[in-house]
């Protein structure tokens, strides 16, 4: 009986040895790959959390410097966050916050540079669109009309299309191109929902009224031709 069990165990052991000699290396490498990928994923997650935390601290520095009225400090913190954590959402928000302060201080070149950076480097379409709209406003204030129109001719996400049209209307109106401005205001009015953008839509309607145009008629015309 003992001999029979020994033989059966030996057969099982031989089968296991054969299986391992054939597949052992593959199994080992698969396990190494899986465990390595898991370790790499954990390392990446840790790195991203650390980067986000450090970027958040620099965003706070930009905000505090702006509140303190320290333009040089704002610019230093902006340069640091762009250089070290430029791919983070915090860097884009810092660029928008810093640009707002710099624009208020009359440092228009620096404000435009910050907004152009966000428009080019922000990690999502929404932040890039906000930066373009604000950049166009600064350019409009400088009467750099062609530059503003170039900024506004970029691609915008659907939720920003009407806002871009309204801003283009402002630029064209300043250029004395009343018909083109009215067409852009009409697109903006027609593209805004009365429920979600009521006050803004009414403002666009006032612009159309000032040009002697019925807002609803202008919107209907744009809708029929677009």
C-alpha atoms as a PDB file:
ATOM      1  CA  UNK A   1       0.000   0.000   0.000  1.00  0.00           C
ATOM      2  CA  UNK A   2       2.786   2.393   0.961  1.00  0.00           C
ATOM      3  CA  UNK A   3       4.656   1.510  -2.217  1.00  0.00           C
ATOM      4  CA  UNK A   4       1.542   2.281  -4.335  1.00  0.00           C
ATOM      5  CA  UNK A   5       1.158   5.712  -2.681  1.00  0.00           C
ATOM      6  CA  UNK A   6       4.845   6.444  -3.130  1.00  0.00           C
ATOM      7  CA  UNK A   7       4.600   5.604  -6.836  1.00  0.00           C
ATOM      8  CA  UNK A   8       1.495   7.782  -7.246  1.00  0.00           C
ATOM      9  CA  UNK A   9       3.172  10.689  -5.453  1.00  0.00           C
ATOM     10  CA  UNK A  10       6.273  10.221  -7.592  1.00  0.00           C
ATOM     11  CA  UNK A  11       4.144  10.330 -10.766  1.00  0.00           C
ATOM     12  CA  UNK A  12       2.462  13.536  -9.593  1.00  0.00           C
ATOM     13  CA  UNK A  13       5.843  15.025  -8.737  1.00  0.00           C
ATOM     14  CA  UNK A  14       7.245  14.058 -12.142  1.00  0.00           C
ATOM     15  CA  UNK A  15       4.207  15.593 -13.857  1.00  0.00           C
ATOM     16  CA  UNK A  16       4.660  18.793 -11.860  1.00  0.00           C
ATOM     17  CA  UNK A  17       8.348  18.912 -12.756  1.00  0.00           C
ATOM     18  CA  UNK A  18       7.506  18.407 -16.413  1.00  0.00           C
ATOM     19  CA  UNK A  19       4.844  21.122 -16.299  1.00  0.00           C
ATOM     20  CA  UNK A  20       7.187  23.555 -14.562  1.00  0.00           C
ATOM     21  CA  UNK A  21      10.093  22.811 -16.893  1.00  0.00           C
ATOM     22  CA  UNK A  22       7.806  23.673 -19.812  1.00  0.00           C
ATOM     23  CA  UNK A  23       5.829  26.585 -18.413  1.00  0.00           C
ATOM     24  CA  UNK A  24       7.751  27.767 -15.368  1.00  0.00           C
ATOM     25  CA  UNK A  25       9.674  30.555 -17.069  1.00  0.00           C
ATOM     26  CA  UNK A  26       6.554  31.913 -18.735  1.00  0.00           C
ATOM     27  CA  UNK A  27       4.606  31.876 -15.466  1.00  0.00           C
ATOM     28  CA  UNK A  28       7.481  33.591 -13.680  1.00  0.00           C
ATOM     29  CA  UNK A  29       7.716  36.355 -16.275  1.00  0.00           C
ATOM     30  CA  UNK A  30       3.945  36.848 -16.284  1.00  0.00           C
ATOM     31  CA  UNK A  31       3.973  37.211 -12.512  1.00  0.00           C
ATOM     32  CA  UNK A  32       6.896  39.640 -12.706  1.00  0.00           C
ATOM     33  CA  UNK A  33       5.064  41.699 -15.343  1.00  0.00           C
ATOM     34  CA  UNK A  34       1.825  41.780 -13.338  1.00  0.00           C
ATOM     35  CA  UNK A  35       3.518  42.661 -10.067  1.00  0.00           C
ATOM     36  CA  UNK A  36       5.735  45.203 -11.822  1.00  0.00           C
ATOM     37  CA  UNK A  37       2.726  46.853 -13.449  1.00  0.00           C
ATOM     38  CA  UNK A  38       0.953  46.985 -10.083  1.00  0.00           C
ATOM     39  CA  UNK A  39       4.009  48.537  -8.429  1.00  0.00           C
ATOM     40  CA  UNK A  40       4.380  51.022 -11.285  1.00  0.00           C
ATOM     41  CA  UNK A  41       0.694  51.983 -11.038  1.00  0.00           C
ATOM     42  CA  UNK A  42       0.992  52.577  -7.308  1.00  0.00           C
ATOM     43  CA  UNK A  43       4.142  54.604  -7.896  1.00  0.00           C
ATOM     44  CA  UNK A  44       2.428  56.684 -10.571  1.00  0.00           C
ATOM     45  CA  UNK A  45      -0.557  57.331  -8.320  1.00  0.00           C
ATOM     46  CA  UNK A  46       1.734  58.420  -5.520  1.00  0.00           C
ATOM     47  CA  UNK A  47       3.711  60.676  -7.890  1.00  0.00           C
ATOM     48  CA  UNK A  48       0.526  62.287  -9.224  1.00  0.00           C
ATOM     49  CA  UNK A  49      -0.795  62.927  -5.711  1.00  0.00           C
ATOM     50  CA  UNK A  50       2.532  64.436  -4.695  1.00  0.00           C
ATOM     51  CA  UNK A  51       2.677  66.616  -7.820  1.00  0.00           C
ATOM     52  CA  UNK A  52      -0.890  67.805  -7.243  1.00  0.00           C
ATOM     53  CA  UNK A  53      -0.124  68.658  -3.615  1.00  0.00           C
ATOM     54  CA  UNK A  54       2.977  70.649  -4.492  1.00  0.00           C
ATOM     55  CA  UNK A  55       1.172  72.402  -7.358  1.00  0.00           C
ATOM     56  CA  UNK A  56      -1.698  73.301  -5.027  1.00  0.00           C
ATOM     57  CA  UNK A  57       0.764  74.912  -2.644  1.00  0.00           C
ATOM     58  CA  UNK A  58       2.179  77.059  -5.451  1.00  0.00           C
ATOM     59  CA  UNK A  59      -1.325  78.011  -6.589  1.00  0.00           C
ATOM     60  CA  UNK A  60      -1.997  79.210  -3.048  1.00  0.00           C
ATOM     61  CA  UNK A  61       1.218  81.225  -3.242  1.00  0.00           C
ATOM     62  CA  UNK A  62       0.003  82.939  -6.437  1.00  0.00           C
ATOM     63  CA  UNK A  63      -3.332  83.701  -4.811  1.00  0.00           C
ATOM     64  CA  UNK A  64      -1.791  85.032  -1.582  1.00  0.00           C
ATOM     65  CA  UNK A  65       0.682  87.175  -3.522  1.00  0.00           C
ATOM     66  CA  UNK A  66      -2.154  88.632  -5.607  1.00  0.00           C
ATOM     67  CA  UNK A  67      -4.177  89.425  -2.493  1.00  0.00           C
ATOM     68  CA  UNK A  68      -1.110  91.067  -0.966  1.00  0.00           C
ATOM     69  CA  UNK A  69      -0.574  93.154  -4.093  1.00  0.00           C
ATOM     70  CA  UNK A  70       2.911  91.790  -4.695  1.00  0.00           C
ATOM     71  CA  UNK A  71       3.296  91.618  -8.481  1.00  0.00           C
ATOM     72  CA  UNK A  72       6.893  90.377  -8.394  1.00  0.00           C
ATOM     73  CA  UNK A  73       5.901  87.513  -6.099  1.00  0.00           C
ATOM     74  CA  UNK A  74       2.955  86.642  -8.358  1.00  0.00           C
ATOM     75  CA  UNK A  75       5.272  86.427 -11.349  1.00  0.00           C
ATOM     76  CA  UNK A  76       7.840  84.312  -9.479  1.00  0.00           C
ATOM     77  CA  UNK A  77       5.200  81.863  -8.271  1.00  0.00           C
ATOM     78  CA  UNK A  78       3.696  81.660 -11.755  1.00  0.00           C
ATOM     79  CA  UNK A  79       7.097  80.936 -13.269  1.00  0.00           C
ATOM     80  CA  UNK A  80       7.718  78.207 -10.664  1.00  0.00           C
ATOM     81  CA  UNK A  81       4.406  76.441 -11.146  1.00  0.00           C
ATOM     82  CA  UNK A  82       4.684  76.559 -14.946  1.00  0.00           C
ATOM     83  CA  UNK A  83       8.234  75.240 -14.830  1.00  0.00           C
ATOM     84  CA  UNK A  84       7.705  72.468 -12.283  1.00  0.00           C
ATOM     85  CA  UNK A  85       4.039  71.458 -12.536  1.00  0.00           C
ATOM     86  CA  UNK A  86       2.914  72.863 -15.871  1.00  0.00           C
ATOM     87  CA  UNK A  87       0.806  69.827 -16.776  1.00  0.00           C
ATOM     88  CA  UNK A  88      -1.460  70.126 -13.711  1.00  0.00           C
ATOM     89  CA  UNK A  89      -4.869  71.758 -13.456  1.00  0.00           C
ATOM     90  CA  UNK A  90      -3.530  73.862 -10.579  1.00  0.00           C
ATOM     91  CA  UNK A  91      -0.984  75.445 -12.926  1.00  0.00           C
ATOM     92  CA  UNK A  92      -3.727  76.459 -15.349  1.00  0.00           C
ATOM     93  CA  UNK A  93      -5.823  77.946 -12.536  1.00  0.00           C
ATOM     94  CA  UNK A  94      -2.753  79.760 -11.241  1.00  0.00           C
ATOM     95  CA  UNK A  95      -2.209  81.202 -14.714  1.00  0.00           C
ATOM     96  CA  UNK A  96      -5.778  82.496 -14.826  1.00  0.00           C
ATOM     97  CA  UNK A  97      -5.570  83.922 -11.310  1.00  0.00           C
ATOM     98  CA  UNK A  98      -2.198  85.551 -11.917  1.00  0.00           C
ATOM     99  CA  UNK A  99      -3.306  86.988 -15.267  1.00  0.00           C
ATOM    100  CA  UNK A 100      -6.375  88.569 -13.673  1.00  0.00           C
ATOM    101  CA  UNK A 101      -4.244  90.301 -11.077  1.00  0.00           C
ATOM    102  CA  UNK A 102      -1.579  91.391 -13.565  1.00  0.00           C
ATOM    103  CA  UNK A 103      -4.221  92.805 -15.887  1.00  0.00           C
ATOM    104  CA  UNK A 104      -5.743  94.785 -13.015  1.00  0.00           C
ATOM    105  CA  UNK A 105      -2.282  96.183 -12.296  1.00  0.00           C
ATOM    106  CA  UNK A 106      -1.857  97.315 -15.895  1.00  0.00           C
ATOM    107  CA  UNK A 107       0.856  94.716 -16.587  1.00  0.00           C
ATOM    108  CA  UNK A 108      -0.814  93.761 -19.840  1.00  0.00           C
ATOM    109  CA  UNK A 109       2.115  92.036 -21.528  1.00  0.00           C
ATOM    110  CA  UNK A 110       2.583  89.751 -18.519  1.00  0.00           C
ATOM    111  CA  UNK A 111      -1.161  89.081 -18.278  1.00  0.00           C
ATOM    112  CA  UNK A 112      -1.356  88.183 -21.962  1.00  0.00           C
ATOM    113  CA  UNK A 113       1.661  85.886 -21.649  1.00  0.00           C
ATOM    114  CA  UNK A 114       0.042  84.036 -18.739  1.00  0.00           C
ATOM    115  CA  UNK A 115      -3.266  83.672 -20.599  1.00  0.00           C
ATOM    116  CA  UNK A 116      -1.572  82.544 -23.804  1.00  0.00           C
ATOM    117  CA  UNK A 117       0.286  79.899 -21.800  1.00  0.00           C
ATOM    118  CA  UNK A 118      -2.957  78.581 -20.276  1.00  0.00           C
ATOM    119  CA  UNK A 119      -4.670  78.643 -23.687  1.00  0.00           C
ATOM    120  CA  UNK A 120      -1.863  76.477 -25.048  1.00  0.00           C
ATOM    121  CA  UNK A 121      -0.957  74.233 -22.105  1.00  0.00           C
ATOM    122  CA  UNK A 122      -4.049  73.754 -19.909  1.00  0.00           C
ATOM    123  CA  UNK A 123      -4.962  70.080 -19.458  1.00  0.00           C
ATOM    124  CA  UNK A 124      -8.594  70.450 -20.582  1.00  0.00           C
ATOM    125  CA  UNK A 125     -10.624  72.256 -23.238  1.00  0.00           C
ATOM    126  CA  UNK A 126     -12.678  74.269 -20.749  1.00  0.00           C
ATOM    127  CA  UNK A 127      -9.685  75.975 -19.158  1.00  0.00           C
ATOM    128  CA  UNK A 128      -8.146  76.655 -22.562  1.00  0.00           C
ATOM    129  CA  UNK A 129     -11.419  78.245 -23.710  1.00  0.00           C
ATOM    130  CA  UNK A 130     -11.636  80.486 -20.632  1.00  0.00           C
ATOM    131  CA  UNK A 131      -8.051  81.624 -21.213  1.00  0.00           C
ATOM    132  CA  UNK A 132      -8.770  82.478 -24.868  1.00  0.00           C
ATOM    133  CA  UNK A 133     -11.861  84.491 -23.976  1.00  0.00           C
ATOM    134  CA  UNK A 134      -9.958  86.463 -21.340  1.00  0.00           C
ATOM    135  CA  UNK A 135      -6.983  86.951 -23.653  1.00  0.00           C
ATOM    136  CA  UNK A 136      -9.285  88.327 -26.338  1.00  0.00           C
ATOM    137  CA  UNK A 137     -10.756  90.751 -23.800  1.00  0.00           C
ATOM    138  CA  UNK A 138      -7.294  92.073 -22.941  1.00  0.00           C
ATOM    139  CA  UNK A 139      -6.462  92.400 -26.636  1.00  0.00           C
ATOM    140  CA  UNK A 140      -9.752  94.209 -27.230  1.00  0.00           C
ATOM    141  CA  UNK A 141      -8.898  96.624 -24.428  1.00  0.00           C
ATOM    142  CA  UNK A 142      -5.603  97.333 -26.162  1.00  0.00           C
ATOM    143  CA  UNK A 143      -7.439  97.843 -29.477  1.00  0.00           C
ATOM    144  CA  UNK A 144      -5.471  94.937 -30.929  1.00  0.00           C
ATOM    145  CA  UNK A 145      -8.534  93.906 -32.899  1.00  0.00           C
ATOM    146  CA  UNK A 146      -6.898  91.578 -35.408  1.00  0.00           C
ATOM    147  CA  UNK A 147      -5.102  89.723 -32.616  1.00  0.00           C
ATOM    148  CA  UNK A 148      -8.353  89.399 -30.668  1.00  0.00           C
ATOM    149  CA  UNK A 149     -10.183  87.953 -33.686  1.00  0.00           C
ATOM    150  CA  UNK A 150      -7.333  85.518 -34.268  1.00  0.00           C
ATOM    151  CA  UNK A 151      -7.601  84.385 -30.648  1.00  0.00           C
ATOM    152  CA  UNK A 152     -11.369  83.971 -30.986  1.00  0.00           C
ATOM    153  CA  UNK A 153     -11.148  82.051 -34.243  1.00  0.00           C
ATOM    154  CA  UNK A 154      -9.665  79.065 -32.410  1.00  0.00           C
ATOM    155  CA  UNK A 155     -11.823  76.012 -31.807  1.00  0.00           C
ATOM    156  CA  UNK A 156     -14.093  76.261 -28.746  1.00  0.00           C
ATOM    157  CA  UNK A 157     -16.009  73.532 -26.901  1.00  0.00           C
ATOM    158  CA  UNK A 158     -19.777  73.645 -27.553  1.00  0.00           C
ATOM    159  CA  UNK A 159     -20.583  75.340 -24.237  1.00  0.00           C
ATOM    160  CA  UNK A 160     -18.254  78.240 -25.108  1.00  0.00           C
ATOM    161  CA  UNK A 161     -19.235  78.807 -28.744  1.00  0.00           C
ATOM    162  CA  UNK A 162     -21.908  81.411 -27.955  1.00  0.00           C
ATOM    163  CA  UNK A 163     -19.561  83.287 -25.616  1.00  0.00           C
ATOM    164  CA  UNK A 164     -16.887  83.393 -28.318  1.00  0.00           C
ATOM    165  CA  UNK A 165     -19.443  84.716 -30.818  1.00  0.00           C
ATOM    166  CA  UNK A 166     -20.461  87.484 -28.415  1.00  0.00           C
ATOM    167  CA  UNK A 167     -16.826  88.451 -27.902  1.00  0.00           C
ATOM    168  CA  UNK A 168     -16.232  88.485 -31.670  1.00  0.00           C
ATOM    169  CA  UNK A 169     -19.242  90.771 -31.979  1.00  0.00           C
ATOM    170  CA  UNK A 170     -17.654  93.175 -29.486  1.00  0.00           C
ATOM    171  CA  UNK A 171     -14.425  93.257 -31.485  1.00  0.00           C
ATOM    172  CA  UNK A 172     -16.166  93.739 -34.850  1.00  0.00           C
ATOM    173  CA  UNK A 173     -18.329  96.506 -33.428  1.00  0.00           C
ATOM    174  CA  UNK A 174     -15.226  98.366 -32.270  1.00  0.00           C
ATOM    175  CA  UNK A 175     -13.897  98.031 -35.803  1.00  0.00           C
ATOM    176  CA  UNK A 176     -17.069  99.683 -37.114  1.00  0.00           C
ATOM    177  CA  UNK A 177     -18.266  96.483 -38.811  1.00  0.00           C
ATOM    178  CA  UNK A 178     -21.833  96.725 -37.582  1.00  0.00           C
ATOM    179  CA  UNK A 179     -23.398  94.086 -39.823  1.00  0.00           C
ATOM    180  CA  UNK A 180     -20.763  91.488 -39.017  1.00  0.00           C
ATOM    181  CA  UNK A 181     -21.031  92.359 -35.333  1.00  0.00           C
ATOM    182  CA  UNK A 182     -24.808  91.975 -35.451  1.00  0.00           C
ATOM    183  CA  UNK A 183     -24.423  88.546 -37.075  1.00  0.00           C
ATOM    184  CA  UNK A 184     -22.093  87.405 -34.274  1.00  0.00           C
ATOM    185  CA  UNK A 185     -24.396  88.807 -31.583  1.00  0.00           C
ATOM    186  CA  UNK A 186     -27.250  86.975 -33.270  1.00  0.00           C
ATOM    187  CA  UNK A 187     -25.327  83.696 -33.139  1.00  0.00           C
ATOM    188  CA  UNK A 188     -24.555  84.303 -29.479  1.00  0.00           C
ATOM    189  CA  UNK A 189     -28.167  85.133 -28.603  1.00  0.00           C
ATOM    190  CA  UNK A 190     -29.514  82.159 -30.489  1.00  0.00           C
ATOM    191  CA  UNK A 191     -26.898  79.846 -28.955  1.00  0.00           C
ATOM    192  CA  UNK A 192     -27.663  80.799 -25.348  1.00  0.00           C
ATOM    193  CA  UNK A 193     -30.405  79.187 -23.316  1.00  0.00           C
ATOM    194  CA  UNK A 194     -32.864  81.526 -21.632  1.00  0.00           C
ATOM    195  CA  UNK A 195     -32.940  79.122 -18.660  1.00  0.00           C
ATOM    196  CA  UNK A 196     -29.192  78.787 -18.021  1.00  0.00           C
ATOM    197  CA  UNK A 197     -27.837  82.067 -19.412  1.00  0.00           C
ATOM    198  CA  UNK A 198     -30.756  84.424 -18.888  1.00  0.00           C
ATOM    199  CA  UNK A 199     -28.888  87.540 -17.741  1.00  0.00           C
ATOM    200  CA  UNK A 200     -26.083  87.152 -20.260  1.00  0.00           C
ATOM    201  CA  UNK A 201     -28.583  86.473 -23.045  1.00  0.00           C
ATOM    202  CA  UNK A 202     -30.498  89.628 -22.155  1.00  0.00           C
ATOM    203  CA  UNK A 203     -27.231  91.598 -22.324  1.00  0.00           C
ATOM    204  CA  UNK A 204     -26.600  90.276 -25.831  1.00  0.00           C
ATOM    205  CA  UNK A 205     -30.190  91.199 -26.681  1.00  0.00           C
ATOM    206  CA  UNK A 206     -29.502  94.761 -25.537  1.00  0.00           C
ATOM    207  CA  UNK A 207     -26.500  94.900 -27.873  1.00  0.00           C
ATOM    208  CA  UNK A 208     -28.697  93.813 -30.767  1.00  0.00           C
ATOM    209  CA  UNK A 209     -31.381  96.344 -29.832  1.00  0.00           C
ATOM    210  CA  UNK A 210     -28.719  99.058 -29.842  1.00  0.00           C
ATOM    211  CA  UNK A 211     -27.997  98.086 -33.440  1.00  0.00           C
ATOM    212  CA  UNK A 212     -31.693  98.377 -34.278  1.00  0.00           C
ATOM    213  CA  UNK A 213     -32.257  94.619 -34.467  1.00  0.00           C
ATOM    214  CA  UNK A 214     -34.949  92.526 -32.810  1.00  0.00           C
ATOM    215  CA  UNK A 215     -32.994  89.821 -30.892  1.00  0.00           C
ATOM    216  CA  UNK A 216     -35.513  87.047 -31.522  1.00  0.00           C
ATOM    217  CA  UNK A 217     -35.709  87.872 -35.226  1.00  0.00           C
ATOM    218  CA  UNK A 218     -31.910  87.907 -35.416  1.00  0.00           C
ATOM    219  CA  UNK A 219     -31.739  84.566 -33.661  1.00  0.00           C
ATOM    220  CA  UNK A 220     -34.371  83.066 -35.948  1.00  0.00           C
ATOM    221  CA  UNK A 221     -32.463  84.294 -39.000  1.00  0.00           C
ATOM    222  CA  UNK A 222     -29.194  82.792 -37.764  1.00  0.00           C
ATOM    223  CA  UNK A 223     -30.928  79.526 -36.955  1.00  0.00           C
ATOM    224  CA  UNK A 224     -32.436  79.369 -40.445  1.00  0.00           C
ATOM    225  CA  UNK A 225     -29.125  80.019 -42.216  1.00  0.00           C
ATOM    226  CA  UNK A 226     -26.671  78.048 -40.024  1.00  0.00           C
END
